[in-house]
Protein backbone atom coordinates (compact mmCIF):
# COMPACT_ATOMS: atom_id res chain seq x y z
CA MET A 1 9.12 -5.00 14.73
CA HIS A 2 11.35 -3.58 11.99
CA LEU A 3 9.86 -1.50 9.18
CA ARG A 4 12.05 -0.52 6.22
CA SER A 5 11.00 2.18 3.89
CA ARG A 6 12.14 4.03 0.84
CA LEU A 7 10.60 6.84 -1.20
CA LEU A 8 10.54 6.15 -4.95
CA ILE A 9 11.45 9.65 -6.13
CA GLU A 10 10.39 9.36 -9.77
CA ASP A 11 6.75 9.00 -8.84
CA ASN A 12 6.67 9.95 -5.17
CA LEU A 13 5.56 6.53 -3.96
CA LEU A 14 6.40 5.32 -0.47
CA LEU A 15 7.35 1.67 -0.29
CA ALA A 16 7.41 0.14 3.23
CA THR A 17 8.45 -3.39 3.91
CA MET A 18 8.01 -5.56 7.00
CA ASP A 19 9.59 -8.97 7.17
CA GLU A 20 9.24 -9.88 10.84
CA PRO A 21 6.13 -11.13 12.61
CA LEU A 22 4.03 -8.57 14.47
CA ASP A 23 2.17 -9.46 17.63
CA THR A 24 -0.83 -7.66 19.07
CA HIS A 25 1.33 -5.72 21.55
CA GLN A 26 3.24 -4.11 18.63
CA ARG A 27 0.22 -2.92 16.65
CA ALA A 28 0.26 0.64 17.97
CA ALA A 29 3.96 0.96 17.30
CA LEU A 30 3.56 -0.19 13.68
CA ALA A 31 0.60 2.15 13.11
CA GLN A 32 2.56 5.04 14.52
CA ALA A 33 5.63 4.19 12.40
CA ILE A 34 3.50 4.13 9.19
CA ASP A 35 1.76 7.36 10.12
CA GLN A 36 5.09 8.96 10.81
CA LEU A 37 6.53 7.84 7.43
CA ILE A 38 3.50 9.26 5.59
CA GLY A 39 3.75 12.50 7.52
CA GLU A 40 7.44 12.86 6.83
CA HIS A 41 7.38 11.98 3.09
CA ARG A 42 3.86 13.10 2.09
CA PRO A 43 3.87 10.51 -0.73
CA ALA A 44 1.38 10.44 -3.62
CA GLY A 45 0.79 6.71 -2.93
CA LEU A 46 1.73 3.90 -0.55
CA VAL A 47 2.72 0.27 -1.05
CA LEU A 48 3.11 -1.95 2.00
CA THR A 49 4.95 -5.22 1.53
CA LEU A 50 4.67 -8.05 4.07
CA GLY A 51 7.18 -10.86 3.93
CA PRO A 52 5.88 -14.42 4.59
CA ALA A 53 6.67 -14.30 8.25
CA ALA A 54 5.15 -10.81 8.73
CA GLY A 55 1.67 -11.76 7.70
CA THR A 56 -0.04 -11.92 11.14
CA ALA A 57 -3.54 -10.92 12.07
CA ALA A 58 -2.07 -7.95 13.96
CA ALA A 59 -0.25 -6.70 10.84
CA VAL A 60 -3.45 -7.09 8.76
CA SER A 61 -5.32 -5.06 11.30
CA VAL A 62 -2.85 -2.23 11.18
CA ILE A 63 -2.78 -2.21 7.38
CA LEU A 64 -6.50 -2.13 7.15
CA ARG A 65 -6.50 0.84 9.52
CA THR A 66 -3.88 2.49 7.33
CA TYR A 67 -5.97 1.83 4.25
CA ARG A 68 -8.99 3.53 5.81
CA HIS A 69 -6.84 6.53 6.62
CA CYS A 70 -5.30 6.68 3.11
CA SER A 71 -8.70 6.34 1.55
CA LYS A 72 -10.03 9.33 3.53
CA GLU A 73 -7.03 11.31 2.35
CA GLY A 74 -7.39 10.27 -1.28
CA MET A 75 -3.99 8.47 -1.25
CA PRO A 76 -3.89 5.25 -3.32
CA MET A 77 -2.50 2.24 -1.53
CA ALA A 78 -1.78 -1.37 -2.26
CA VAL A 79 -0.34 -4.37 -0.43
CA ALA A 80 2.06 -7.04 -1.57
CA THR A 81 2.34 -10.34 0.31
CA PRO A 82 3.10 -13.84 -0.95
CA PRO A 83 0.95 -15.98 1.45
CA ALA A 84 -2.43 -16.72 -0.02
CA ALA A 85 -4.02 -16.93 3.42
CA ILE A 86 -2.97 -13.37 4.25
CA ARG A 87 -4.12 -12.05 0.87
CA TYR A 88 -7.48 -13.75 1.56
CA LEU A 89 -7.72 -11.98 4.96
CA PHE A 90 -7.23 -8.61 3.25
CA ARG A 91 -9.74 -9.29 0.55
CA ALA A 92 -12.31 -10.70 2.95
CA ASN A 93 -12.08 -7.64 5.21
CA GLN A 94 -11.54 -4.90 2.59
CA PRO A 95 -12.28 -5.97 -1.04
CA ALA A 96 -11.37 -2.53 -2.36
CA LEU A 97 -7.74 -2.74 -1.18
CA PRO A 98 -5.52 -3.91 -4.08
CA VAL A 99 -3.58 -6.94 -2.80
CA HIS A 100 -0.88 -8.64 -4.84
CA THR A 101 1.67 -11.39 -4.46
CA ASP A 102 4.52 -9.27 -5.66
CA THR A 103 5.75 -5.72 -4.94
CA GLU A 104 6.10 -4.66 -8.58
CA ASP A 105 2.39 -5.58 -9.21
CA ALA A 106 1.35 -3.52 -6.20
CA LEU A 107 3.46 -0.56 -7.37
CA ARG A 108 1.82 -0.84 -10.81
CA ALA A 109 -1.63 -0.86 -9.17
CA VAL A 110 -0.89 2.33 -7.25
CA ARG A 111 0.52 4.01 -10.30
CA ALA A 112 -2.62 3.11 -12.25
CA LEU A 113 -4.83 4.52 -9.45
CA LEU A 114 -2.78 7.78 -9.46
CA ARG A 115 -3.24 8.02 -13.25
CA ARG A 116 -6.96 7.51 -12.84
CA GLN A 117 -7.07 10.25 -10.13
CA ALA A 118 -5.31 12.52 -12.52
CA GLY A 119 -7.90 11.83 -15.18
CA VAL A 120 -5.60 9.84 -17.46
CA ASP A 121 -7.04 6.64 -18.81
CA PRO A 122 -4.61 3.87 -17.83
CA ARG A 123 -5.05 2.25 -21.26
CA SER A 124 -3.81 5.45 -22.96
CA ALA A 125 -1.06 6.31 -20.46
CA GLY A 126 2.03 7.24 -22.38
CA SER A 127 0.12 8.15 -25.52
CA ASP A 128 -0.80 11.67 -26.66
CA ALA A 129 -4.49 11.07 -26.11
CA ALA A 130 -6.39 13.62 -24.05
CA PRO A 131 -7.61 12.66 -20.61
CA ARG A 132 -11.07 11.17 -20.53
CA ARG A 133 -13.86 13.21 -18.97
């Protein structure tokens, strides 16, 4: 299991990417690696990207666990993965988790969630309009 990550400084988002398949014996290691990255960087939001080969049931299980943890902490999260079957697994198990085919769409989704948390209407982001109450 190899997890690459980078912190997007401009908006404090953590982007973690996994391209290799994960088997059930590696679930705990992946969960610990993600938890460690979140603890080290303390990001405002998280985007996990799974390459086509990385989309296994074990990876989905860990990411759903991570989503539950992030939700409790109020940290927006999204997933990007090309395979439709893996996106279906996420949506079937956790419809509230934003799942996209592409990383940029997932990043936009997390940014929109952060704006919503801050009380800024996403439709008026970038304008001089006051936050909606």
